[in-house]
Protein backbone atom coordinates (compact mmCIF):
# COMPACT_ATOMS: atom_id res chain seq x y z
CA MET A 1 88.58 74.82 120.25
CA SER A 2 84.87 75.25 120.96
CA ASP A 3 82.63 72.29 121.81
CA VAL A 4 80.70 72.82 118.56
CA LEU A 5 83.89 72.69 116.48
CA LYS A 6 85.11 69.61 118.35
CA SER A 7 81.84 67.83 117.55
CA LYS A 8 82.20 68.76 113.85
CA VAL A 9 85.79 67.46 113.71
CA HIS A 10 84.78 64.22 115.45
CA ALA A 11 81.92 63.71 113.00
CA GLU A 12 84.24 64.22 110.01
CA ALA A 13 86.87 61.92 111.55
CA SER A 14 84.27 59.17 111.98
CA VAL A 15 83.54 59.28 108.24
CA TRP A 16 87.26 59.05 107.40
CA VAL A 17 87.67 56.04 109.72
CA ALA A 18 84.90 54.20 107.90
CA ARG A 19 86.20 55.17 104.43
CA LEU A 20 89.77 54.09 105.15
CA HIS A 21 88.64 50.74 106.56
CA SER A 22 86.39 50.12 103.57
CA GLU A 23 87.29 47.91 100.58
CA ALA A 24 86.48 50.95 98.43
CA ARG A 25 89.66 52.66 99.72
CA THR A 26 91.76 54.09 96.91
CA PRO A 27 94.93 56.22 96.58
CA ALA A 28 92.66 59.20 95.93
CA THR A 29 90.86 58.52 99.22
CA GLU A 30 94.20 58.43 101.05
CA ALA A 31 95.33 61.68 99.43
CA ALA A 32 92.08 63.41 100.39
CA PHE A 33 92.46 62.12 103.94
CA SER A 34 96.02 63.48 104.18
CA GLU A 35 94.78 66.87 103.00
CA TRP A 36 91.98 66.81 105.62
CA LEU A 37 94.51 66.06 108.34
CA ARG A 38 96.70 68.95 107.17
CA GLN A 39 93.88 71.48 107.22
CA THR A 40 91.92 70.33 110.28
CA GLU A 41 92.90 71.39 113.79
CA GLY A 42 92.52 68.44 116.16
CA GLY A 43 91.90 66.08 113.23
CA ARG A 44 94.71 63.65 114.05
CA GLU A 45 93.63 63.35 117.69
CA ALA A 46 89.97 62.77 116.73
CA PHE A 47 90.92 60.22 114.04
CA ASP A 48 93.16 58.26 116.42
CA GLU A 49 90.47 58.26 119.10
CA LEU A 50 87.78 56.98 116.73
CA THR A 51 90.12 54.43 115.18
CA GLY A 52 90.38 52.94 118.66
CA VAL A 53 86.60 52.93 118.83
CA TRP A 54 86.41 51.21 115.43
CA GLU A 55 88.86 48.51 116.44
CA SER A 56 86.86 47.80 119.57
CA LEU A 57 83.56 47.48 117.70
CA PRO A 58 82.39 43.84 117.87
CA GLY A 59 82.19 42.29 114.42
CA ALA A 60 83.91 45.13 112.56
CA ALA A 61 86.56 42.78 111.15
CA ARG A 62 83.92 40.20 110.20
CA ILE A 63 82.02 42.84 108.24
CA LEU A 64 85.12 43.61 106.16
CA GLN A 65 85.87 39.90 105.66
CA ALA A 66 82.32 39.38 104.45
CA GLN A 67 82.84 42.21 101.97
CA ASP A 68 86.01 40.55 100.67
CA MET A 69 84.08 37.29 100.12
CA ARG A 70 81.58 39.14 97.93
CA ARG A 71 84.14 40.61 95.53
CA THR A 72 82.55 38.84 92.60
CA MET A 73 79.07 40.05 93.42
CA PRO A 74 77.78 42.72 91.00
CA ALA A 75 76.40 44.85 93.81
CA ARG A 76 79.59 44.63 95.84
CA ASN A 77 80.44 48.30 95.62
CA VAL A 78 76.93 49.36 96.50
CA LYS A 79 76.82 47.11 99.53
CA ALA A 80 80.30 48.16 100.63
CA TRP A 81 79.24 51.78 100.41
CA ARG A 82 76.12 51.05 102.48
CA VAL A 83 78.22 49.35 105.15
CA THR A 84 80.64 52.27 105.12
CA VAL A 85 77.86 54.81 105.51
CA ALA A 86 76.18 52.80 108.28
CA LEU A 87 79.39 52.41 110.25
CA ALA A 88 80.31 56.05 109.70
CA ALA A 89 76.91 57.10 110.97
CA GLY A 90 77.33 54.89 113.99
CA LEU A 91 80.76 56.33 114.73
CA ALA A 92 79.49 59.87 114.18
CA GLY A 93 76.67 59.25 116.63
CA LEU A 94 79.15 57.87 119.13
CA ALA A 95 81.37 60.90 118.58
CA VAL A 96 78.48 63.27 119.25
CA LEU A 97 77.51 61.38 122.40
CA THR A 98 81.15 61.40 123.51
CA GLY A 99 81.30 65.13 122.88
CA ILE A 100 78.14 65.74 124.90
CA TRP A 101 79.45 63.57 127.73
CA ALA A 102 82.78 65.41 127.72
CA ALA A 103 81.07 68.81 127.70
CA ASP A 104 78.91 67.78 130.66
CA ARG A 105 81.84 66.73 132.81
CA PRO A 106 82.43 69.41 135.45
CA GLN A 107 85.49 71.59 135.54
CA ILE A 108 86.82 71.32 139.09
CA TYR A 109 88.54 74.14 140.94
CA ASP A 110 89.91 73.77 144.46
CA THR A 111 92.22 75.26 147.06
CA GLY A 112 94.29 73.77 149.86
CA ARG A 113 94.42 74.90 153.47
CA GLY A 114 95.39 78.55 153.68
CA GLN A 115 95.16 79.10 149.91
CA THR A 116 92.93 81.41 147.86
CA ARG A 117 92.40 81.34 144.12
CA THR A 118 90.78 83.57 141.48
CA VAL A 119 89.17 81.95 138.43
CA THR A 120 87.65 83.62 135.37
CA LEU A 121 85.08 81.46 133.59
CA ALA A 122 84.45 81.38 129.85
CA ASP A 123 81.29 83.48 130.30
CA GLY A 124 83.27 86.26 132.01
CA SER A 125 82.14 85.46 135.57
CA VAL A 126 84.90 85.77 138.17
CA LEU A 127 85.14 83.38 141.13
CA VAL A 128 87.34 83.86 144.19
CA LEU A 129 87.85 80.67 146.21
CA ASN A 130 88.73 80.78 149.90
CA THR A 131 90.71 78.20 151.86
CA GLY A 132 89.78 74.52 151.68
CA THR A 133 87.27 74.97 148.86
CA LYS A 134 86.15 72.62 146.09
CA LEU A 135 83.89 73.84 143.29
CA GLU A 136 82.43 72.00 140.30
CA VAL A 137 81.49 74.10 137.25
CA ARG A 138 79.33 73.11 134.28
CA LEU A 139 78.77 75.77 131.60
CA ARG A 140 76.03 74.58 129.24
CA PRO A 141 74.38 76.45 126.35
CA TRP A 142 71.16 76.76 128.37
CA ALA A 143 72.46 77.08 131.96
CA ARG A 144 75.46 77.74 134.17
CA ASP A 145 75.46 75.18 136.98
CA LEU A 146 77.99 75.28 139.80
CA HIS A 147 78.20 73.03 142.85
CA LEU A 148 80.09 74.15 145.94
CA VAL A 149 81.22 70.83 147.39
CA ALA A 150 82.84 72.48 150.41
CA GLY A 151 84.37 75.76 151.52
CA GLU A 152 83.63 79.36 150.54
CA ALA A 153 83.70 81.44 147.38
CA ARG A 154 82.72 84.82 146.03
CA PHE A 155 80.84 84.87 142.74
CA ASN A 156 80.91 87.93 140.47
CA VAL A 157 78.38 86.84 137.86
CA ALA A 158 78.41 88.01 134.24
CA PRO A 159 74.79 88.82 133.27
CA GLU A 160 73.13 86.49 130.75
CA ALA A 161 69.35 86.68 130.97
CA LYS A 162 68.79 83.49 128.99
CA ARG A 163 71.38 81.39 130.84
CA PRO A 164 70.72 81.29 134.60
CA PHE A 165 73.66 81.08 136.99
CA THR A 166 72.97 78.61 139.80
CA VAL A 167 75.12 77.59 142.76
CA THR A 168 74.11 74.56 144.82
CA THR A 169 75.45 73.03 148.01
CA GLY A 170 74.26 70.04 149.96
CA LYS A 171 71.83 72.29 151.82
CA GLY A 172 70.87 75.19 149.57
CA ARG A 173 70.56 76.62 146.08
CA VAL A 174 71.24 80.13 144.80
CA THR A 175 70.04 81.48 141.47
CA ALA A 176 71.43 84.79 140.25
CA LEU A 177 71.58 87.05 137.18
CA GLY A 178 74.25 89.76 137.00
CA THR A 179 75.17 89.96 140.65
CA ALA A 180 77.88 89.37 143.27
CA PHE A 181 77.51 87.20 146.35
CA VAL A 182 79.46 85.02 148.77
CA VAL A 183 78.51 81.40 149.48
CA ARG A 184 79.96 79.64 152.52
CA ASP A 185 79.30 75.94 152.99
CA LEU A 186 80.54 74.36 156.21
CA SER A 187 79.31 71.30 158.05
CA GLU A 188 76.64 73.10 160.06
CA ALA A 189 75.03 75.33 157.42
CA THR A 190 75.24 77.14 154.10
CA SER A 191 75.17 80.93 154.11
CA VAL A 192 74.66 83.26 151.16
CA THR A 193 75.55 86.95 151.49
CA LEU A 194 74.42 89.28 148.70
CA LEU A 195 76.89 92.08 147.92
CA HIS A 196 74.91 93.64 145.08
CA GLY A 197 72.27 92.65 142.56
CA ARG A 198 69.53 90.13 143.20
CA VAL A 199 69.52 86.43 144.10
CA GLU A 200 67.00 83.77 145.08
CA VAL A 201 67.99 81.39 147.87
CA GLY A 202 66.21 78.23 148.92
CA THR A 203 66.58 74.62 149.98
CA PRO A 204 66.96 72.13 147.12
CA LEU A 205 64.39 69.42 146.55
CA LYS A 206 64.31 66.64 143.99
CA PRO A 207 65.36 67.42 140.41
CA PHE A 208 62.87 69.46 138.35
CA GLN A 209 61.00 70.62 141.47
CA SER A 210 60.96 74.25 142.55
CA VAL A 211 63.06 75.61 145.39
CA GLN A 212 61.40 75.20 148.76
CA GLY A 213 61.12 78.15 151.14
CA ALA A 214 62.84 80.46 148.63
CA VAL A 215 63.57 84.08 149.55
CA ILE A 216 64.78 87.03 147.47
CA LEU A 217 67.72 88.80 149.10
CA ALA A 218 68.41 92.53 149.04
CA PRO A 219 72.02 93.77 148.92
CA GLY A 220 73.64 93.42 152.33
CA GLN A 221 71.39 90.58 153.46
CA ARG A 222 72.49 87.05 154.29
CA ALA A 223 70.47 83.85 154.02
CA ILE A 224 71.34 80.87 156.21
CA VAL A 225 70.22 77.37 155.20
CA SER A 226 70.86 74.59 157.70
CA GLY A 227 68.96 71.79 155.99
CA ARG A 228 65.64 72.63 157.59
CA GLU A 229 62.47 73.55 155.73
CA ARG A 230 63.09 77.29 155.79
CA VAL A 231 65.71 79.97 155.15
CA ILE A 232 66.77 82.42 157.88
CA VAL A 233 67.68 85.95 156.78
CA ASP A 234 69.85 88.46 158.69
CA GLN A 235 72.09 91.45 157.93
CA PRO A 236 75.77 90.79 158.71
CA ASP A 237 78.80 93.05 158.70
CA ILE A 238 79.78 92.87 155.02
CA ALA A 239 83.37 93.84 155.78
CA ALA A 240 83.63 90.85 158.11
CA VAL A 241 82.05 88.49 155.56
CA THR A 242 84.52 89.47 152.82
CA ALA A 243 87.62 90.07 155.01
CA TRP A 244 89.15 86.76 153.88
CA GLU A 245 89.72 88.27 150.43
CA GLN A 246 92.28 90.56 152.10
CA GLY A 247 93.72 87.71 154.17
CA LYS A 248 91.89 88.78 157.34
CA VAL A 249 89.27 87.43 159.74
CA VAL A 250 87.08 89.67 161.84
CA PHE A 251 85.64 88.62 165.21
CA SER A 252 83.03 90.61 167.12
CA ASN A 253 82.18 89.24 170.56
CA THR A 254 82.78 85.73 169.17
CA THR A 255 83.37 82.77 171.46
CA LEU A 256 86.97 81.60 171.51
CA MET A 257 85.72 78.18 170.41
CA ALA A 258 84.16 79.61 167.25
CA ALA A 259 87.14 81.90 166.65
CA ALA A 260 89.60 79.01 166.95
CA GLN A 261 87.55 76.93 164.53
CA GLU A 262 87.65 79.76 162.00
CA MET A 263 91.41 80.24 162.39
CA ASN A 264 91.92 76.51 161.99
CA ARG A 265 90.43 76.67 158.50
CA TYR A 266 93.66 78.41 157.47
CA ALA A 267 96.26 77.20 159.97
CA THR A 268 98.77 74.45 159.19
CA LYS A 269 99.13 73.93 162.95
CA PRO A 270 95.68 73.94 164.61
CA ILE A 271 94.67 75.75 167.78
CA LYS A 272 93.36 73.51 170.58
CA LEU A 273 91.50 74.75 173.65
CA LYS A 274 91.72 73.11 177.05
CA GLY A 275 88.78 73.70 179.37
CA SER A 276 85.15 74.69 178.81
CA SER A 277 85.71 78.07 180.47
CA VAL A 278 88.44 78.85 177.94
CA ALA A 279 86.16 77.95 175.03
CA ALA A 280 83.47 80.35 176.28
CA ILE A 281 85.75 83.44 176.41
CA ARG A 282 84.64 86.21 174.02
CA VAL A 283 86.99 87.54 171.35
CA SER A 284 86.92 90.72 169.22
CA GLY A 285 89.45 92.01 166.72
CA VAL A 286 90.96 91.72 163.25
CA PHE A 287 93.56 88.99 162.67
CA GLY A 288 95.55 87.64 159.73
CA THR A 289 94.39 84.31 158.34
CA GLN A 290 98.00 83.06 158.37
CA ASP A 291 98.72 84.20 161.93
CA ALA A 292 97.22 81.47 164.12
CA ALA A 293 100.15 81.58 166.57
CA ASP A 294 99.95 85.38 166.90
CA PHE A 295 96.19 85.11 167.42
CA ALA A 296 96.68 82.57 170.22
CA VAL A 297 99.31 84.72 171.94
CA ALA A 298 97.17 87.88 171.71
CA VAL A 299 94.10 86.12 173.14
CA ALA A 300 96.17 84.58 175.96
CA ARG A 301 97.67 87.91 176.98
CA LEU A 302 94.32 89.69 177.00
CA ASN A 303 92.66 86.96 179.09
CA ASP A 304 95.55 85.85 181.33
CA LEU A 305 95.75 82.40 179.70
CA LYS A 306 98.65 80.10 178.84
CA VAL A 307 99.90 79.21 175.37
CA ARG A 308 102.01 76.17 174.54
CA ASP A 309 103.27 74.84 171.23
CA SER A 310 103.09 71.05 171.54
CA GLY A 311 104.64 70.53 168.13
CA GLN A 312 101.36 69.18 166.77
CA ALA A 313 99.10 72.04 167.90
CA ILE A 314 98.98 75.41 169.61
CA GLU A 315 97.30 74.86 172.98
CA ILE A 316 95.48 77.57 174.93
CA SER A 317 94.65 76.76 178.55
CA GLU A 318 94.00 78.41 181.95
C-alpha cells in the first residue's frame, strides 16, 4: 500500500473512531462501519491503532460523560456532533502526522562480515552492498536521501530529474542523477569512484548550506574526502575498485599492512602481522575475499616468511 493510500485510510479510520465513540452511534452507523471494514484494505489495522490513540487521549471519557449529562438539552445532538467532528479532526491530524513520521523513518540495509547484498529500491535504483556495510535510505516525494553509515556500496541510480539522489557519509556528500558510482566509507576517509554518468562530490556542512569544496567527477575518476576542507581527485584502476563485486580484491604494490587490513574486512579469522619489516613488504596480485588463509600462505612463500594459525588469528612473521 502506498504512503498516500495509508494516509487516506488512517484519516477515514479516525472519523469512524469518533463516530463509534459518540452518543449519536446507531445501528446504521455500525452497519456502515462494518461495510467500510470489508471494503478497505488495512482498515482494521488503522482502526485498531487509532482506537488505542483515542483511549489514551486525556479527557476523552469525560467528554462523553458530559454529553450523557446533557441528554435533555435541546441542542444535545448538535453539540455531540461538534465534539465528534472536533475529535475526528484531531485524530485525523494525528494520523497524518504519524504517517509522515513513519514515511520519514529510514529503511535500513546492512551486511555482515564477508557478506554482499543487492537491493532494488522503489524508484528502480539498484544498490550492491559490500561486506560490513550499513545504509539508511529515505525515499521522499521531493528527494532520495541515503546515508552510508559504514562500509562500501555501488549505486546504480534510476534517473529522476526532479528528485535528486544524494548519498552522505560522515565526511562527504555525493549528488547524482542517472549514474553509477561506488562509495567507500572507512575510518580514514570516504572515496567516491564514478563508473559512468555525472556526480558532484563535496564535504558536508550544516543543513541547508551548500557543499564545500565540491568537484564534478568524470567517469573513471575518484574523489577522496578525509574530513579536510577540500576533495582530492585521482584516477584509480576501476577493475580493482569494483573487484569485490566478483568476490575478489586486487593489490598493486600495496603494503602488506594495508593488504591485511583489506582482507580482514572479509575474514572471520583476522590476519595479524608481527614486525614492522613484515608490515612494509609490498604485495601484488588478485585474491579471493574469502581466502584470507590462502592469501597469508601465498605471501609467506613469496617473501620467505612464517605463517601460524593461533586459533584466534592467522599470524605472519619473519
